[in-house]
Protein backbone atom coordinates (compact mmCIF):
# COMPACT_ATOMS: atom_id res chain seq x y z
CA MET A 1 -0.15 0.31 0.03
CA ASN A 2 1.47 3.51 -0.46
CA TRP A 3 0.18 6.42 0.91
CA GLN A 4 -0.79 8.61 -2.30
CA GLN A 5 -3.35 6.21 -3.21
CA LEU A 6 -4.44 5.75 0.73
CA ILE A 7 -5.07 9.28 1.33
CA SER A 8 -8.04 10.22 -0.87
CA ASN A 9 -10.66 13.05 -0.85
CA LYS A 10 -12.91 11.31 -3.30
CA ARG A 11 -17.03 10.84 -2.11
CA PHE A 12 -18.95 7.63 -1.62
CA GLY A 13 -21.61 8.55 -3.63
CA LEU A 14 -20.26 10.92 -5.29
CA GLU A 15 -18.16 9.78 -7.42
CA GLU A 16 -19.03 11.65 -10.84
CA ILE A 17 -19.77 14.75 -9.40
CA HIS A 18 -17.13 17.16 -8.37
CA GLU A 19 -18.56 19.68 -5.83
CA ALA A 20 -16.62 22.86 -5.69
CA GLN A 21 -15.81 23.91 -2.54
CA LYS A 22 -17.78 26.75 -1.15
CA ASP A 23 -15.48 27.91 1.80
CA ASP A 24 -11.98 27.22 3.13
CA ARG A 25 -12.45 23.99 4.63
CA THR A 26 -10.88 20.91 3.65
CA GLU A 27 -12.69 17.58 2.52
CA PHE A 28 -11.94 16.03 5.65
CA GLN A 29 -13.19 18.95 7.80
CA ARG A 30 -16.32 18.60 6.24
CA ASP A 31 -16.64 15.23 7.05
CA TYR A 32 -15.90 16.40 10.29
CA ASP A 33 -18.79 18.81 10.81
CA ARG A 34 -21.25 16.42 8.79
CA LEU A 35 -20.73 14.37 11.67
CA ILE A 36 -21.04 17.22 14.67
CA PHE A 37 -24.14 18.41 12.80
CA SER A 38 -25.71 14.42 12.18
CA ALA A 39 -29.01 13.23 14.01
CA PRO A 40 -27.46 10.25 14.40
CA PHE A 41 -24.18 11.82 16.58
CA ARG A 42 -25.95 14.11 18.46
CA ARG A 43 -28.10 11.25 19.67
CA LEU A 44 -25.11 9.51 21.20
CA GLN A 45 -25.61 12.08 24.50
CA ASN A 46 -28.09 9.61 25.72
CA LYS A 47 -26.69 6.27 25.10
CA THR A 48 -24.35 4.31 27.50
CA GLN A 49 -20.95 4.21 26.96
CA VAL A 50 -20.11 1.54 30.38
CA PHE A 51 -21.51 3.45 33.58
CA PRO A 52 -25.19 3.91 33.67
CA LEU A 53 -26.49 7.42 32.40
CA PRO A 54 -25.98 9.91 35.16
CA GLY A 55 -27.71 11.30 37.99
CA SER A 56 -25.74 13.68 40.38
CA VAL A 57 -22.48 12.57 39.21
CA PHE A 58 -21.48 13.23 35.72
CA VAL A 59 -19.76 10.81 33.79
CA HIS A 60 -18.88 9.75 30.37
CA ASN A 61 -21.55 8.99 27.79
CA ARG A 62 -21.05 7.81 23.95
CA LEU A 63 -21.17 11.45 22.90
CA THR A 64 -18.17 12.46 25.17
CA HIS A 65 -16.14 9.24 24.95
CA SER A 66 -16.40 9.91 20.71
CA LEU A 67 -15.37 13.47 21.37
CA GLU A 68 -12.60 12.73 23.67
CA VAL A 69 -11.30 10.26 21.23
CA SER A 70 -11.35 12.57 18.79
CA CYS A 71 -8.93 14.93 20.03
CA VAL A 72 -6.45 11.82 21.07
CA GLY A 73 -6.68 10.89 17.16
CA ARG A 74 -6.78 14.48 16.10
CA SER A 75 -3.25 14.40 17.79
CA LEU A 76 -1.94 11.35 16.87
CA GLY A 77 -2.61 11.77 13.41
CA ASN A 78 -0.71 15.13 13.27
CA SER A 79 2.16 13.77 14.71
CA ILE A 80 2.12 10.79 11.96
CA ALA A 81 1.42 13.27 9.20
CA ILE A 82 4.66 15.67 10.71
CA GLN A 83 6.82 12.54 10.69
CA LEU A 84 5.69 10.97 7.58
CA VAL A 85 6.35 14.31 5.61
CA ALA A 86 9.86 14.67 7.00
CA LYS A 87 10.39 11.14 6.42
CA TYR A 88 9.15 10.95 2.63
CA PRO A 89 9.30 15.02 1.28
CA GLU A 90 7.51 14.13 -1.52
CA LEU A 91 4.23 13.90 0.43
CA ALA A 92 4.20 17.68 1.03
CA ASN A 93 1.85 18.13 -1.76
CA THR A 94 -0.55 15.36 -1.12
CA HIS A 95 -3.48 14.80 1.21
CA VAL A 96 -1.31 13.46 4.02
CA PRO A 97 -0.60 16.54 5.74
CA GLU A 98 -4.42 16.22 6.42
CA ILE A 99 -4.38 12.85 7.95
CA GLY A 100 -5.28 14.49 11.72
CA ALA A 101 -8.23 15.76 10.28
CA ILE A 102 -9.25 12.23 8.60
CA VAL A 103 -8.49 10.52 12.00
CA SER A 104 -10.38 13.03 13.87
CA ALA A 105 -13.03 12.34 11.47
CA ALA A 106 -13.18 8.54 11.51
CA CYS A 107 -13.11 8.61 15.65
CA LEU A 108 -16.23 10.80 15.86
CA ALA A 109 -17.97 8.05 13.95
CA HIS A 110 -16.48 4.95 15.25
CA ASP A 111 -19.41 4.29 17.73
CA LEU A 112 -22.19 5.46 15.64
CA GLY A 113 -23.69 2.23 14.75
CA ASN A 114 -23.54 0.92 18.47
CA PRO A 115 -27.35 0.10 19.60
CA PRO A 116 -28.49 1.48 22.88
CA PHE A 117 -27.02 0.50 26.81
CA GLY A 118 -23.06 -0.72 25.60
CA HIS A 119 -21.88 -3.93 24.74
CA SER A 120 -25.04 -5.57 25.98
CA GLY A 121 -27.53 -4.05 23.18
CA GLU A 122 -25.23 -5.73 20.86
CA LYS A 123 -25.19 -9.36 22.92
CA ALA A 124 -28.91 -8.93 23.16
CA ILE A 125 -29.02 -8.47 19.32
CA SER A 126 -27.27 -11.16 18.31
CA THR A 127 -28.64 -13.53 20.51
CA TYR A 128 -31.90 -13.78 19.81
CA PHE A 129 -30.87 -15.31 16.79
CA SER A 130 -28.63 -17.40 17.96
CA GLU A 131 -30.19 -18.56 21.28
CA GLY A 132 -33.35 -17.34 20.88
CA LYS A 133 -36.66 -16.89 19.17
CA GLY A 134 -34.85 -15.53 16.30
CA LEU A 135 -33.41 -19.10 15.37
CA ALA A 136 -36.64 -20.21 14.04
CA LEU A 137 -35.73 -18.03 10.94
CA LYS A 138 -32.54 -19.85 10.07
CA SER A 139 -33.93 -21.43 7.33
CA GLN A 140 -35.34 -18.52 5.41
CA LEU A 141 -31.98 -16.83 5.41
CA SER A 142 -28.82 -17.11 3.17
CA SER A 143 -26.24 -18.17 5.41
CA MET A 144 -24.45 -14.95 4.87
CA GLU A 145 -26.98 -13.10 5.94
CA TRP A 146 -27.35 -15.66 9.45
CA GLU A 147 -23.98 -15.07 10.32
CA ASP A 148 -24.10 -10.95 9.75
CA LEU A 149 -27.16 -11.40 12.63
CA THR A 150 -25.47 -13.92 14.85
CA HIS A 151 -22.49 -11.81 14.69
CA PHE A 152 -24.08 -8.31 15.27
CA GLU A 153 -21.68 -6.00 15.66
CA GLY A 154 -21.57 -2.33 15.82
CA ASN A 155 -18.52 -1.72 13.81
CA ALA A 156 -20.52 -3.37 11.01
CA ASN A 157 -23.26 -1.29 11.48
CA ALA A 158 -21.76 2.14 11.74
CA PHE A 159 -20.14 1.65 7.94
CA ARG A 160 -23.68 0.92 7.44
CA LEU A 161 -25.13 3.59 8.33
CA LEU A 162 -22.42 5.60 6.84
CA THR A 163 -22.62 4.23 3.07
CA HIS A 164 -26.02 2.88 2.83
CA GLN A 165 -28.51 4.50 1.58
CA PHE A 166 -31.77 4.97 3.37
CA LEU A 167 -35.12 6.09 2.08
CA GLY A 168 -35.22 9.71 1.61
CA ARG A 169 -31.45 10.29 1.65
CA ARG A 170 -29.01 11.45 -0.77
CA LYS A 171 -27.19 8.27 -2.90
CA GLY A 172 -24.41 7.14 -0.64
CA GLY A 173 -25.81 7.82 2.82
CA PHE A 174 -23.57 10.76 4.38
CA VAL A 175 -21.45 10.96 1.38
CA MET A 176 -18.20 10.74 3.26
CA THR A 177 -14.86 10.57 1.89
CA TYR A 178 -12.95 7.46 0.93
CA SER A 179 -10.17 7.51 3.49
CA THR A 180 -12.65 8.67 6.36
CA LEU A 181 -14.16 5.37 5.67
CA ALA A 182 -11.77 3.09 5.70
CA ALA A 183 -10.15 4.47 8.70
CA ILE A 184 -13.21 3.27 11.27
CA VAL A 185 -13.29 -0.47 9.28
CA LYS A 186 -11.23 -2.46 12.01
CA TYR A 187 -12.74 -5.49 10.92
CA PRO A 188 -11.83 -5.10 7.39
CA PHE A 189 -13.44 -8.37 6.56
CA PRO A 190 -16.99 -10.41 6.47
CA SER A 191 -19.32 -12.15 9.21
CA VAL A 192 -18.65 -15.44 7.95
CA LEU A 193 -14.92 -14.46 9.33
CA ALA A 194 -15.74 -13.14 12.45
CA GLY A 195 -14.90 -15.95 14.63
CA LYS A 196 -15.38 -16.66 18.42
CA LYS A 197 -15.05 -12.66 18.95
CA SER A 198 -18.02 -11.99 16.96
CA LYS A 199 -15.73 -8.90 15.34
CA PHE A 200 -16.54 -7.93 11.15
CA GLY A 201 -16.47 -4.73 9.33
CA PHE A 202 -19.39 -5.14 7.06
CA PHE A 203 -22.25 -6.78 6.56
CA THR A 204 -23.23 -8.63 3.42
CA SER A 205 -25.21 -5.56 2.08
CA GLU A 206 -22.38 -3.21 2.33
CA GLU A 207 -19.86 -5.92 1.24
CA ASN A 208 -19.67 -4.22 -2.10
CA SER A 209 -19.25 -0.84 -0.86
CA TYR A 210 -15.78 -1.94 1.13
CA LEU A 211 -14.54 -3.93 -1.99
CA LYS A 212 -15.32 -0.45 -3.73
CA ILE A 213 -13.71 1.67 -1.34
CA ALA A 214 -10.21 -0.75 -1.02
CA GLU A 215 -10.05 -1.12 -4.55
CA GLU A 216 -9.65 3.22 -4.83
CA LEU A 217 -7.60 3.25 -2.07
CA GLY A 218 -5.12 0.21 -3.36
CA ILE A 219 -5.90 -1.74 0.15
CA LYS A 220 -4.15 -4.94 0.37
CA ARG A 221 -6.20 -7.78 0.02
CA LEU A 222 -5.31 -10.79 2.18
CA SER A 223 -7.74 -13.88 0.52
CA LYS A 224 -7.29 -15.61 -2.48
CA GLU A 225 -10.18 -15.13 -5.02
CA GLY A 226 -13.34 -16.89 -4.62
CA GLU A 227 -12.74 -16.99 -0.83
CA PRO A 228 -14.42 -14.34 1.66
CA PRO A 229 -13.01 -11.01 1.22
CA GLN A 230 -10.34 -10.04 3.55
CA TYR A 231 -7.65 -7.10 3.43
CA ALA A 232 -5.06 -5.48 5.31
CA ARG A 233 -5.95 -3.04 7.28
CA HIS A 234 -6.41 0.91 6.55
CA PRO A 235 -3.19 2.45 7.87
CA LEU A 236 -5.68 4.95 9.78
CA VAL A 237 -7.85 2.12 11.59
CA TYR A 238 -4.60 1.60 14.03
CA LEU A 239 -4.87 5.53 14.54
CA VAL A 240 -8.39 5.48 15.47
CA GLU A 241 -8.57 2.04 17.71
CA ALA A 242 -5.38 3.57 19.39
CA ALA A 243 -7.46 6.71 20.69
CA ASP A 244 -9.82 4.49 21.36
CA ASP A 245 -7.69 2.09 23.51
CA ILE A 246 -6.20 5.29 25.23
CA CYS A 247 -9.24 7.50 25.81
CA TYR A 248 -11.74 4.79 27.43
CA GLN A 249 -8.95 2.87 29.26
CA MET A 250 -7.87 6.39 30.61
CA MET A 251 -11.74 8.16 31.48
CA ASP A 252 -13.28 5.09 33.05
CA ILE A 253 -10.41 4.89 35.38
CA GLU A 254 -11.32 8.66 35.90
CA ASP A 255 -15.21 8.24 36.19
CA ALA A 256 -14.99 5.14 38.45
CA TYR A 257 -13.17 7.55 40.73
CA LYS A 258 -16.00 10.09 40.96
CA LEU A 259 -18.65 7.28 41.50
CA LYS A 260 -16.40 5.98 43.98
CA LEU A 261 -15.64 2.61 42.32
CA LEU A 262 -12.14 3.23 43.32
CA THR A 263 -10.82 5.11 45.91
CA PRO A 264 -8.61 8.36 45.37
CA LYS A 265 -5.78 6.39 46.46
CA GLU A 266 -5.86 3.36 43.89
CA ALA A 267 -6.59 5.79 41.20
CA LYS A 268 -4.26 7.78 41.77
CA ASP A 269 -1.82 4.78 42.04
CA LEU A 270 -3.05 3.37 38.88
CA TYR A 271 -2.29 6.97 36.71
CA LEU A 272 0.94 6.84 38.85
CA LEU A 273 2.26 3.24 37.19
CA PHE A 274 2.86 5.09 33.73
CA PHE A 275 4.93 7.77 35.83
CA ASP A 276 8.87 7.80 35.79
CA GLU A 277 10.50 9.00 39.57
CA LYS A 278 11.21 12.35 37.57
CA LYS A 279 7.53 12.91 36.55
CA LYS A 280 6.36 11.56 40.13
CA CYS A 281 8.00 14.08 41.91
CA ARG A 282 7.12 16.44 39.33
CA VAL A 283 3.63 15.76 40.66
CA GLU A 284 4.55 15.87 43.79
CA ASP A 285 6.01 19.90 43.65
CA ILE A 286 2.18 20.66 41.56
CA PHE A 287 -0.25 18.50 44.21
CA SER A 288 1.55 20.81 46.86
CA PHE A 289 -0.52 23.76 45.43
CA VAL A 290 -3.17 21.69 43.20
CA THR A 291 -5.08 20.44 46.38
CA ASP A 292 -8.18 20.16 45.04
CA GLY A 293 -9.01 15.68 44.30
CA ASN A 294 -10.50 16.49 40.71
CA GLU A 295 -8.12 18.64 39.70
CA GLN A 296 -5.12 16.59 40.83
CA MET A 297 -7.14 12.94 38.47
CA ALA A 298 -7.44 15.59 35.94
CA TYR A 299 -4.01 16.42 35.46
CA LEU A 300 -2.86 12.70 36.01
CA ARG A 301 -5.29 11.65 33.21
CA ALA A 302 -4.35 14.06 31.09
CA THR A 303 -0.46 13.66 31.56
CA VAL A 304 -0.66 9.66 30.78
CA ILE A 305 -2.91 10.07 27.78
CA GLY A 306 0.28 12.43 26.45
CA ILE A 307 2.26 9.18 27.32
CA LEU A 308 0.57 6.97 25.42
CA ILE A 309 0.17 9.64 22.57
CA LYS A 310 3.82 9.80 22.24
CA GLU A 311 4.32 5.63 22.59
CA CYS A 312 1.63 5.00 19.88
CA THR A 313 2.95 7.71 17.53
CA LYS A 314 6.63 5.90 18.25
CA VAL A 315 5.01 2.11 17.35
CA PHE A 316 3.10 3.63 14.75
CA MET A 317 6.52 5.06 12.81
CA GLU A 318 8.49 2.02 13.76
CA ASN A 319 6.22 -0.48 12.34
CA GLU A 320 5.41 1.93 9.40
CA GLU A 321 6.95 -0.86 6.41
CA ALA A 322 4.88 -4.01 7.78
CA ILE A 323 1.68 -1.52 8.65
CA LEU A 324 1.93 -0.79 4.91
CA ASN A 325 2.25 -4.43 3.94
CA GLY A 326 -0.26 -5.29 5.73
CA THR A 327 1.81 -7.89 8.01
CA PHE A 328 1.53 -5.81 11.56
CA GLU A 329 -0.50 -7.47 13.94
CA GLY A 330 -2.43 -6.30 16.87
CA ALA A 331 -3.44 -3.17 17.95
CA LEU A 332 -0.44 -0.11 18.54
CA ILE A 333 -1.11 -0.21 22.33
CA LYS A 334 -0.12 -3.69 22.61
CA HIS A 335 3.28 -2.66 21.48
CA ILE A 336 4.24 -0.14 23.73
CA SER A 337 7.09 -0.38 25.66
CA SER A 338 7.62 -2.83 28.51
CA PRO A 339 6.68 -0.76 31.52
CA LEU A 340 4.03 0.77 30.45
CA SER A 341 2.54 -1.89 28.36
CA GLU A 342 2.61 -3.89 32.35
CA SER A 343 0.96 -0.49 33.39
CA TYR A 344 -1.64 -0.16 30.74
CA LYS A 345 -2.20 -4.21 31.51
CA GLU A 346 -2.68 -3.29 35.09
CA CYS A 347 -5.22 -0.82 34.41
CA SER A 348 -7.07 -3.27 32.07
CA ARG A 349 -6.92 -6.11 34.74
CA VAL A 350 -8.45 -3.48 37.67
CA ALA A 351 -11.34 -2.17 34.84
CA VAL A 352 -12.82 -5.54 34.70
CA GLU A 353 -12.44 -6.66 38.56
CA LYS A 354 -13.59 -2.92 39.70
CA ILE A 355 -15.08 -1.11 37.18
CA TYR A 356 -16.62 -3.44 34.39
CA ARG A 357 -18.38 -6.11 36.43
CA SER A 358 -19.38 -3.81 39.31
CA ARG A 359 -23.26 -3.96 39.89
CA ASP A 360 -24.30 -0.55 38.77
CA VAL A 361 -23.16 -1.84 35.50
CA LEU A 362 -24.16 -5.26 35.61
CA ASP A 363 -27.57 -4.12 36.12
CA ILE A 364 -27.77 -1.62 33.22
CA GLU A 365 -26.56 -4.27 31.11
CA LEU A 366 -29.08 -6.84 32.28
CA ALA A 367 -31.81 -4.14 31.63
CA GLY A 368 -30.42 -3.35 28.51
CA PHE A 369 -30.45 -6.65 27.48
CA HIS A 370 -34.33 -6.95 28.19
CA VAL A 371 -35.09 -3.99 26.32
CA ILE A 372 -34.21 -4.57 23.74
CA SER A 373 -34.72 -8.19 23.20
CA THR A 374 -38.38 -7.77 23.95
CA LEU A 375 -38.08 -4.84 21.24
CA LEU A 376 -36.72 -6.40 19.02
CA GLU A 377 -39.09 -9.43 19.40
CA LEU A 378 -42.18 -7.31 18.70
CA MET A 379 -40.66 -5.96 16.15
CA ILE A 380 -39.65 -9.00 13.84
CA ASN A 381 -42.61 -10.41 14.83
CA ALA A 382 -44.76 -7.06 13.05
CA VAL A 383 -42.58 -7.38 9.68
CA GLN A 384 -42.86 -10.90 9.67
CA SER A 385 -46.89 -10.75 9.77
CA PRO A 386 -47.09 -6.92 8.68
CA GLU A 387 -50.95 -8.09 7.87
CA LYS A 388 -52.08 -8.29 11.91
CA ALA A 389 -53.90 -5.51 13.42
CA TYR A 390 -50.79 -4.81 16.02
CA SER A 391 -48.28 -5.77 14.08
CA GLN A 392 -49.67 -2.44 11.93
CA LEU A 393 -49.44 -0.46 14.84
CA LEU A 394 -45.79 -0.97 15.10
CA ILE A 395 -44.75 -0.73 12.25
CA ASN A 396 -46.63 2.98 11.94
CA ARG A 397 -44.00 3.63 14.83
CA VAL A 398 -41.49 3.57 12.85
CA SER A 399 -39.63 6.26 10.90
CA SER A 400 -40.46 6.41 7.25
CA GLN A 401 -36.52 6.49 6.08
CA TYR A 402 -36.64 2.92 6.79
CA ASP A 403 -37.01 0.04 4.60
CA ILE A 404 -39.89 -1.80 7.00
CA LYS A 405 -41.81 -2.74 4.00
CA ALA A 406 -38.75 -3.95 2.36
CA PRO A 407 -38.99 -7.01 -0.26
CA THR A 408 -36.79 -9.72 1.42
CA LEU A 409 -37.02 -10.88 4.67
CA TYR A 410 -32.97 -10.18 5.36
CA GLY A 411 -34.04 -6.39 4.37
CA ARG A 412 -36.88 -6.21 6.65
CA ILE A 413 -34.85 -7.83 9.59
CA GLN A 414 -32.23 -5.33 8.65
CA ALA A 415 -34.51 -2.10 8.98
CA VAL A 416 -36.01 -2.81 12.32
CA LEU A 417 -31.70 -3.38 13.43
CA ASP A 418 -31.46 0.03 11.62
CA TYR A 419 -34.21 1.40 13.49
CA LEU A 420 -33.34 -0.30 17.45
CA SER A 421 -29.74 0.72 16.99
CA GLY A 422 -30.49 4.36 16.16
CA MET A 423 -32.28 4.67 19.10
CA THR A 424 -31.11 6.29 22.88
CA ASP A 425 -31.55 4.41 25.79
CA VAL A 426 -34.17 6.61 27.33
CA PHE A 427 -35.90 6.32 23.67
CA ALA A 428 -35.79 2.24 24.03
CA LEU A 429 -36.97 2.42 27.62
CA ASP A 430 -39.73 5.03 27.00
CA LEU A 431 -41.07 2.51 23.87
CA PHE A 432 -40.77 -0.49 26.22
CA ARG A 433 -42.66 0.75 28.99
CA LYS A 434 -45.23 1.79 26.25
CA ILE A 435 -45.52 -1.15 24.87
CA LYS A 436 -45.88 -3.01 27.92
CA GLY A 437 -48.42 -1.26 29.41
CA ASN A 438 -46.47 0.91 32.11
CA GLY A 439 -46.47 4.06 30.59
CA LEU A 440 -48.92 6.17 28.37
CA PRO A 441 -48.39 9.48 26.51
CA ALA A 442 -49.26 12.67 28.48
CA VAL A 443 -52.57 14.11 27.62
């Protein structure tokens, strides 16, 4: 793969149309702005990140998480762009100097496809088909379509959202640039290759879209002709992934401290794992006059994020050749230097033990699983038997942008999943209560 071809500002869905620039923004900055002002991005403010949506203590939701990941991604991208241009001066007059803007936009989009209630929402959808009443539909779907449903994945759903032509939309969905779209596909292969981790990059319905992008950008194909398509990652995927890895781990520690799942000492000790003796002495000096606990935690978190940005940038540049050849394996964060790597692993261990398995987190996952499973069952029944009176009531509840009356069963199921995954936590819960008769509209 080569950088000149990998970084393209061609727009997916507008290949034959060359829009004139209406302002001083680059095409990648326009990607960012389109996402910021979009309804799916705005709805992230009411979607669970890890902890239940806040009461008196404000913790991260999907929107604040995405904004922070975007900031870290921009820093990573800008640093990489500067070093690439220094290494290859001929790239100065290409789009390579704009890598920071591309990564920043891709980071904004990376969670757009996630359903309500975090990962429990994804699990509720996939297990409805693999273990629940949806299992009865297997004989009516192709093997590829069935793999899509039993491995439902937020990443693949984000790619669908950004490229799929929903009813009433312009051709190409968001009409994003090819490079921004490629940068969000962490797993560039279909669901049939998802394996036990249930990770894949695009549904059967969007496979041709990804193949078109891969061909345009010169992304290396790893599978042979006749086999399910598997590609190397676009290099910028590693930066989007690193920004996400850095943010969720470091921000979850701060949120856990605010929610008293970690004591102040436990949280500080985790951050201080990343500091050498010189930096620890500096922390002591700063804390002699910065005495507020929240401010101290914010300083430690920001410093650690800076350290990890620098280290991931170093890993990327040291492995640039392998990344372009498609032979680099694993996330950048897994290749950072030994002391920092061990510190990150310890943070992950504590997070699993004291944060992700905490009662509050498990309670929201249990409730979310039940809400999504119930809504999914009702909606699937409705699109299977649309002639029934109750089915009509449910179908009429769905926005006209979704192709709920698609000619194929797979298409109708996808429309249901588009509708459900676009819901916020509160909307899904409110609809669940109304359907169950536990709440009625105000009169």
